[in-house]
Every structure is written in structure tokens, then in C-alpha cells.
């Protein structure tokens, strides 16, 4: 077996665009912080129902963090958030979604 054929290429597996819902506290906030620790991760879209009630999320100073208001129980809110994220990522899309809200 040629071990080189199975070499793990870490750079090619790092996500470019990630979305984390319910990112204002708890597990969601922790996931956002962990993603941002990795310099190879691209943009992290963190959703929160109320930006005004998300002081820890707002305190994160990283140019890769994009905070988006979204209420997962409101279809119009979801549509607006999807449009905003879609405009940002364009044809690249998102690599993964962590649906932590609700």
C-alpha cells in the first residue's frame, strides 16, 4: 500500500464559510469561538435572535465573524438572514451549518 496516496490534506478540508445558529450563548457561542481560533477557517456567520441581547458575541473582535440576526421560528427572519448570508458568500455557498438554535 502506498501511504502517500492516503495522505490527509488538512488545508483542503478546512471550511471557508460556516453558519452557527443560536450563537449568542452556550454551545453556539463556544462553537463560534473555537472556529475562530483556527486561522484556516474563513467567514463564520453567527446568528442570534436579538443582537442587543448578545454582548459576548458582539465583544468578539475578528474580521471573519459576521453576526446575523435571525429568529428560527420566524420564516421572514430566516429568509432575510439567508439573503444576507447568500449575498456575502455568493457562488461559494456555505460549507456547513450548525443548527444549534431552538
N, C-alpha and C. Protein backbone atom coordinates (compact mmCIF):
# COMPACT_ATOMS: atom_id res chain seq x y z
N UNK A 1 0.84 -1.18 0.00
CA UNK A 1 0.00 0.00 0.00
C UNK A 1 0.88 1.24 0.00
N UNK A 2 0.59 2.15 -0.88
CA UNK A 2 1.33 3.41 -0.97
C UNK A 2 0.72 4.39 0.02
N UNK A 3 1.40 4.64 1.12
CA UNK A 3 0.87 5.53 2.15
C UNK A 3 0.68 6.96 1.66
N UNK A 4 1.45 7.36 0.68
CA UNK A 4 1.31 8.72 0.16
C UNK A 4 -0.05 8.93 -0.50
N UNK A 5 -0.63 7.89 -1.02
CA UNK A 5 -1.94 8.00 -1.67
C UNK A 5 -3.03 8.34 -0.66
N UNK A 6 -2.82 8.05 0.60
CA UNK A 6 -3.81 8.28 1.64
C UNK A 6 -3.46 9.45 2.54
N UNK A 7 -2.51 10.23 2.12
CA UNK A 7 -2.08 11.37 2.93
C UNK A 7 -3.25 12.32 3.15
N UNK A 8 -3.46 12.70 4.36
CA UNK A 8 -4.53 13.61 4.73
C UNK A 8 -4.09 15.04 4.44
N UNK A 9 -4.83 15.73 3.62
CA UNK A 9 -4.52 17.12 3.27
C UNK A 9 -5.42 18.03 4.08
N UNK A 10 -4.96 18.45 5.22
CA UNK A 10 -5.76 19.25 6.15
C UNK A 10 -6.23 20.56 5.53
N UNK A 11 -5.40 21.21 4.76
CA UNK A 11 -5.76 22.50 4.18
C UNK A 11 -6.98 22.41 3.29
N UNK A 12 -7.15 21.31 2.60
CA UNK A 12 -8.27 21.19 1.68
C UNK A 12 -9.57 20.89 2.40
N UNK A 13 -9.51 20.53 3.68
CA UNK A 13 -10.72 20.18 4.41
C UNK A 13 -11.22 21.30 5.32
N UNK A 14 -10.51 22.39 5.42
CA UNK A 14 -10.93 23.47 6.30
C UNK A 14 -12.08 24.24 5.66
N UNK A 15 -13.12 24.50 6.43
CA UNK A 15 -14.29 25.19 5.88
C UNK A 15 -14.00 26.65 5.57
N UNK A 16 -14.53 27.11 4.46
CA UNK A 16 -14.40 28.51 4.07
C UNK A 16 -15.50 29.35 4.72
N UNK A 17 -16.75 28.88 4.64
CA UNK A 17 -17.89 29.63 5.17
C UNK A 17 -18.73 28.73 6.05
N UNK A 18 -18.91 29.14 7.30
CA UNK A 18 -19.66 28.37 8.28
C UNK A 18 -20.81 29.20 8.83
N UNK A 19 -21.91 28.55 9.17
CA UNK A 19 -23.03 29.22 9.84
C UNK A 19 -23.30 28.49 11.14
N UNK A 20 -23.40 29.25 12.22
CA UNK A 20 -23.75 28.70 13.53
C UNK A 20 -24.99 29.46 14.01
N UNK A 21 -26.10 28.73 14.17
CA UNK A 21 -27.31 29.37 14.69
C UNK A 21 -27.29 29.31 16.22
N UNK A 22 -28.03 30.20 16.84
CA UNK A 22 -28.07 30.24 18.31
C UNK A 22 -26.71 30.50 18.91
N UNK A 23 -25.99 31.46 18.33
CA UNK A 23 -24.59 31.70 18.69
C UNK A 23 -24.41 32.75 19.78
N UNK A 24 -25.47 33.19 20.40
CA UNK A 24 -25.34 34.27 21.39
C UNK A 24 -24.86 33.80 22.76
N UNK A 25 -24.96 32.47 23.03
CA UNK A 25 -24.52 31.98 24.34
C UNK A 25 -24.33 30.47 24.28
N UNK A 26 -23.83 29.92 25.35
CA UNK A 26 -23.72 28.47 25.49
C UNK A 26 -22.91 27.79 24.41
N UNK A 27 -23.44 26.66 23.93
CA UNK A 27 -22.73 25.84 22.95
C UNK A 27 -22.48 26.61 21.66
N UNK A 28 -23.48 27.36 21.18
CA UNK A 28 -23.32 28.11 19.94
C UNK A 28 -22.18 29.12 20.02
N UNK A 29 -22.13 29.87 21.11
CA UNK A 29 -21.06 30.85 21.31
C UNK A 29 -19.71 30.13 21.40
N UNK A 30 -19.67 29.02 22.11
CA UNK A 30 -18.44 28.25 22.24
C UNK A 30 -17.95 27.73 20.89
N UNK A 31 -18.88 27.28 20.05
CA UNK A 31 -18.50 26.81 18.71
C UNK A 31 -17.93 27.94 17.87
N UNK A 32 -18.54 29.11 17.94
CA UNK A 32 -18.03 30.26 17.19
C UNK A 32 -16.60 30.58 17.63
N UNK A 33 -16.37 30.62 18.93
CA UNK A 33 -15.03 30.93 19.45
C UNK A 33 -14.01 29.88 18.99
N UNK A 34 -14.40 28.61 19.03
CA UNK A 34 -13.48 27.55 18.61
C UNK A 34 -13.17 27.63 17.13
N UNK A 35 -14.18 27.88 16.30
CA UNK A 35 -13.95 28.02 14.86
C UNK A 35 -12.98 29.16 14.57
N UNK A 36 -13.15 30.27 15.27
CA UNK A 36 -12.32 31.44 15.02
C UNK A 36 -10.88 31.28 15.52
N UNK A 37 -10.63 30.30 16.37
CA UNK A 37 -9.26 30.03 16.82
C UNK A 37 -8.40 29.50 15.68
N UNK A 38 -9.04 28.90 14.69
CA UNK A 38 -8.31 28.30 13.57
C UNK A 38 -8.19 29.32 12.45
N UNK A 39 -6.97 29.72 12.16
CA UNK A 39 -6.73 30.75 11.15
C UNK A 39 -7.08 30.29 9.74
N UNK A 40 -7.24 28.99 9.54
CA UNK A 40 -7.59 28.46 8.22
C UNK A 40 -9.09 28.52 7.93
N UNK A 41 -9.89 28.76 8.95
CA UNK A 41 -11.33 28.87 8.77
C UNK A 41 -11.63 30.24 8.18
N UNK A 42 -12.53 30.27 7.21
CA UNK A 42 -12.91 31.54 6.58
C UNK A 42 -13.94 32.29 7.41
N UNK A 43 -15.00 32.74 6.78
CA UNK A 43 -16.03 33.51 7.49
C UNK A 43 -16.88 32.60 8.37
N UNK A 44 -17.23 33.13 9.53
CA UNK A 44 -18.13 32.45 10.45
C UNK A 44 -19.35 33.35 10.61
N UNK A 45 -20.49 32.86 10.15
CA UNK A 45 -21.75 33.60 10.28
C UNK A 45 -22.42 33.09 11.54
N UNK A 46 -22.58 33.97 12.51
CA UNK A 46 -23.16 33.61 13.79
C UNK A 46 -24.54 34.27 13.88
N UNK A 47 -25.57 33.44 14.06
CA UNK A 47 -26.91 34.01 14.14
C UNK A 47 -27.37 34.11 15.58
N UNK A 48 -28.14 35.15 15.82
CA UNK A 48 -28.73 35.38 17.13
C UNK A 48 -30.09 36.02 16.93
N UNK A 49 -31.01 35.69 17.80
CA UNK A 49 -32.36 36.25 17.68
C UNK A 49 -32.37 37.75 17.94
N UNK A 50 -31.59 38.16 18.96
CA UNK A 50 -31.56 39.58 19.34
C UNK A 50 -30.11 40.01 19.54
N UNK A 51 -29.63 40.82 18.63
CA UNK A 51 -28.25 41.30 18.73
C UNK A 51 -28.03 42.07 20.03
N UNK A 52 -29.04 42.81 20.46
CA UNK A 52 -28.92 43.60 21.69
C UNK A 52 -28.76 42.74 22.94
N UNK A 53 -29.16 41.46 22.84
CA UNK A 53 -29.04 40.55 23.98
C UNK A 53 -27.88 39.58 23.80
N UNK A 54 -26.89 39.99 23.01
CA UNK A 54 -25.76 39.12 22.70
C UNK A 54 -24.42 39.81 22.98
N UNK A 55 -24.20 40.29 24.21
CA UNK A 55 -22.98 41.06 24.48
C UNK A 55 -21.69 40.27 24.27
N UNK A 56 -21.67 39.00 24.63
CA UNK A 56 -20.44 38.21 24.45
C UNK A 56 -20.12 38.02 22.98
N UNK A 57 -21.13 37.78 22.18
CA UNK A 57 -20.93 37.62 20.74
C UNK A 57 -20.45 38.92 20.11
N UNK A 58 -21.06 40.01 20.48
CA UNK A 58 -20.66 41.32 19.96
C UNK A 58 -19.25 41.71 20.39
N UNK A 59 -18.79 41.17 21.50
CA UNK A 59 -17.46 41.52 22.02
C UNK A 59 -16.32 40.83 21.26
N UNK A 60 -16.63 39.83 20.47
CA UNK A 60 -15.59 39.12 19.72
C UNK A 60 -15.10 40.03 18.60
N UNK A 61 -13.81 40.27 18.59
CA UNK A 61 -13.19 41.14 17.58
C UNK A 61 -12.40 40.28 16.60
N UNK A 62 -13.05 39.88 15.54
CA UNK A 62 -12.41 39.08 14.50
C UNK A 62 -13.09 39.43 13.19
N UNK A 63 -12.33 39.83 12.21
CA UNK A 63 -12.91 40.28 10.94
C UNK A 63 -13.63 39.16 10.20
N UNK A 64 -13.40 37.91 10.58
CA UNK A 64 -14.07 36.79 9.92
C UNK A 64 -15.45 36.52 10.49
N UNK A 65 -15.79 37.15 11.61
CA UNK A 65 -17.09 36.95 12.25
C UNK A 65 -18.11 37.91 11.67
N UNK A 66 -19.21 37.37 11.18
CA UNK A 66 -20.33 38.17 10.68
C UNK A 66 -21.55 37.77 11.49
N UNK A 67 -22.07 38.69 12.27
CA UNK A 67 -23.23 38.42 13.11
C UNK A 67 -24.49 38.77 12.33
N UNK A 68 -25.43 37.84 12.32
CA UNK A 68 -26.67 38.00 11.58
C UNK A 68 -27.84 37.75 12.52
N UNK A 69 -28.76 38.71 12.57
CA UNK A 69 -29.97 38.50 13.38
C UNK A 69 -30.90 37.54 12.65
N UNK A 70 -31.36 36.52 13.37
CA UNK A 70 -32.28 35.55 12.79
C UNK A 70 -33.04 34.84 13.89
N UNK A 71 -34.34 34.78 13.74
CA UNK A 71 -35.20 34.03 14.65
C UNK A 71 -35.64 32.78 13.91
N UNK A 72 -35.22 31.60 14.37
CA UNK A 72 -35.52 30.36 13.67
C UNK A 72 -37.00 30.00 13.69
N UNK A 73 -37.79 30.71 14.46
CA UNK A 73 -39.23 30.46 14.50
C UNK A 73 -40.01 31.43 13.62
N UNK A 74 -39.30 32.25 12.85
CA UNK A 74 -39.93 33.26 12.01
C UNK A 74 -39.43 33.11 10.57
N UNK A 75 -40.33 32.69 9.68
CA UNK A 75 -39.94 32.43 8.29
C UNK A 75 -39.35 33.66 7.60
N UNK A 76 -39.90 34.82 7.85
CA UNK A 76 -39.40 36.05 7.22
C UNK A 76 -37.99 36.37 7.73
N UNK A 77 -37.75 36.16 9.01
CA UNK A 77 -36.43 36.38 9.58
C UNK A 77 -35.40 35.42 8.96
N UNK A 78 -35.80 34.18 8.78
CA UNK A 78 -34.91 33.19 8.16
C UNK A 78 -34.61 33.59 6.72
N UNK A 79 -35.62 34.02 5.98
CA UNK A 79 -35.44 34.43 4.59
C UNK A 79 -34.45 35.59 4.49
N UNK A 80 -34.62 36.60 5.36
CA UNK A 80 -33.72 37.77 5.34
C UNK A 80 -32.29 37.38 5.69
N UNK A 81 -32.14 36.52 6.68
CA UNK A 81 -30.80 36.07 7.07
C UNK A 81 -30.15 35.28 5.92
N UNK A 82 -30.92 34.41 5.28
CA UNK A 82 -30.39 33.62 4.16
C UNK A 82 -29.97 34.53 3.01
N UNK A 83 -30.75 35.57 2.74
CA UNK A 83 -30.39 36.51 1.69
C UNK A 83 -29.09 37.23 2.03
N UNK A 84 -28.96 37.68 3.27
CA UNK A 84 -27.75 38.40 3.69
C UNK A 84 -26.52 37.50 3.56
N UNK A 85 -26.64 36.29 4.06
CA UNK A 85 -25.51 35.36 4.00
C UNK A 85 -25.22 35.00 2.54
N UNK A 86 -26.26 34.78 1.77
CA UNK A 86 -26.10 34.44 0.35
C UNK A 86 -25.38 35.52 -0.43
N UNK A 87 -25.70 36.78 -0.15
CA UNK A 87 -25.02 37.88 -0.83
C UNK A 87 -23.55 37.91 -0.45
N UNK A 88 -23.24 37.58 0.78
CA UNK A 88 -21.87 37.61 1.26
C UNK A 88 -21.03 36.50 0.62
N UNK A 89 -21.57 35.28 0.60
CA UNK A 89 -20.78 34.13 0.14
C UNK A 89 -20.86 33.93 -1.37
N UNK A 90 -21.91 34.44 -2.00
CA UNK A 90 -22.05 34.30 -3.44
C UNK A 90 -22.08 32.85 -3.88
N UNK A 91 -21.41 32.56 -4.97
CA UNK A 91 -21.43 31.21 -5.55
C UNK A 91 -20.63 30.20 -4.73
N UNK A 92 -19.81 30.67 -3.79
CA UNK A 92 -19.06 29.74 -2.93
C UNK A 92 -19.99 28.98 -2.00
N UNK A 93 -21.09 29.59 -1.62
CA UNK A 93 -22.01 28.95 -0.69
C UNK A 93 -21.42 28.79 0.69
N UNK A 94 -22.09 27.98 1.50
CA UNK A 94 -21.57 27.68 2.84
C UNK A 94 -21.08 26.24 2.87
N UNK A 95 -20.08 25.99 3.69
CA UNK A 95 -19.53 24.64 3.79
C UNK A 95 -20.29 23.80 4.80
N UNK A 96 -20.73 24.43 5.89
CA UNK A 96 -21.56 23.69 6.82
C UNK A 96 -22.38 24.63 7.70
N UNK A 97 -23.45 24.05 8.22
CA UNK A 97 -24.38 24.74 9.11
C UNK A 97 -24.47 23.94 10.40
N UNK A 98 -24.28 24.63 11.51
CA UNK A 98 -24.51 24.01 12.81
C UNK A 98 -25.81 24.62 13.34
N UNK A 99 -26.87 23.84 13.29
CA UNK A 99 -28.18 24.35 13.70
C UNK A 99 -28.35 24.11 15.20
N UNK A 100 -27.90 25.09 15.97
CA UNK A 100 -27.88 25.00 17.41
C UNK A 100 -29.05 25.74 18.06
N UNK A 101 -29.76 26.54 17.31
CA UNK A 101 -30.85 27.37 17.86
C UNK A 101 -32.10 26.53 18.12
N UNK A 102 -32.88 27.00 19.09
CA UNK A 102 -34.20 26.43 19.33
C UNK A 102 -34.12 25.13 20.02
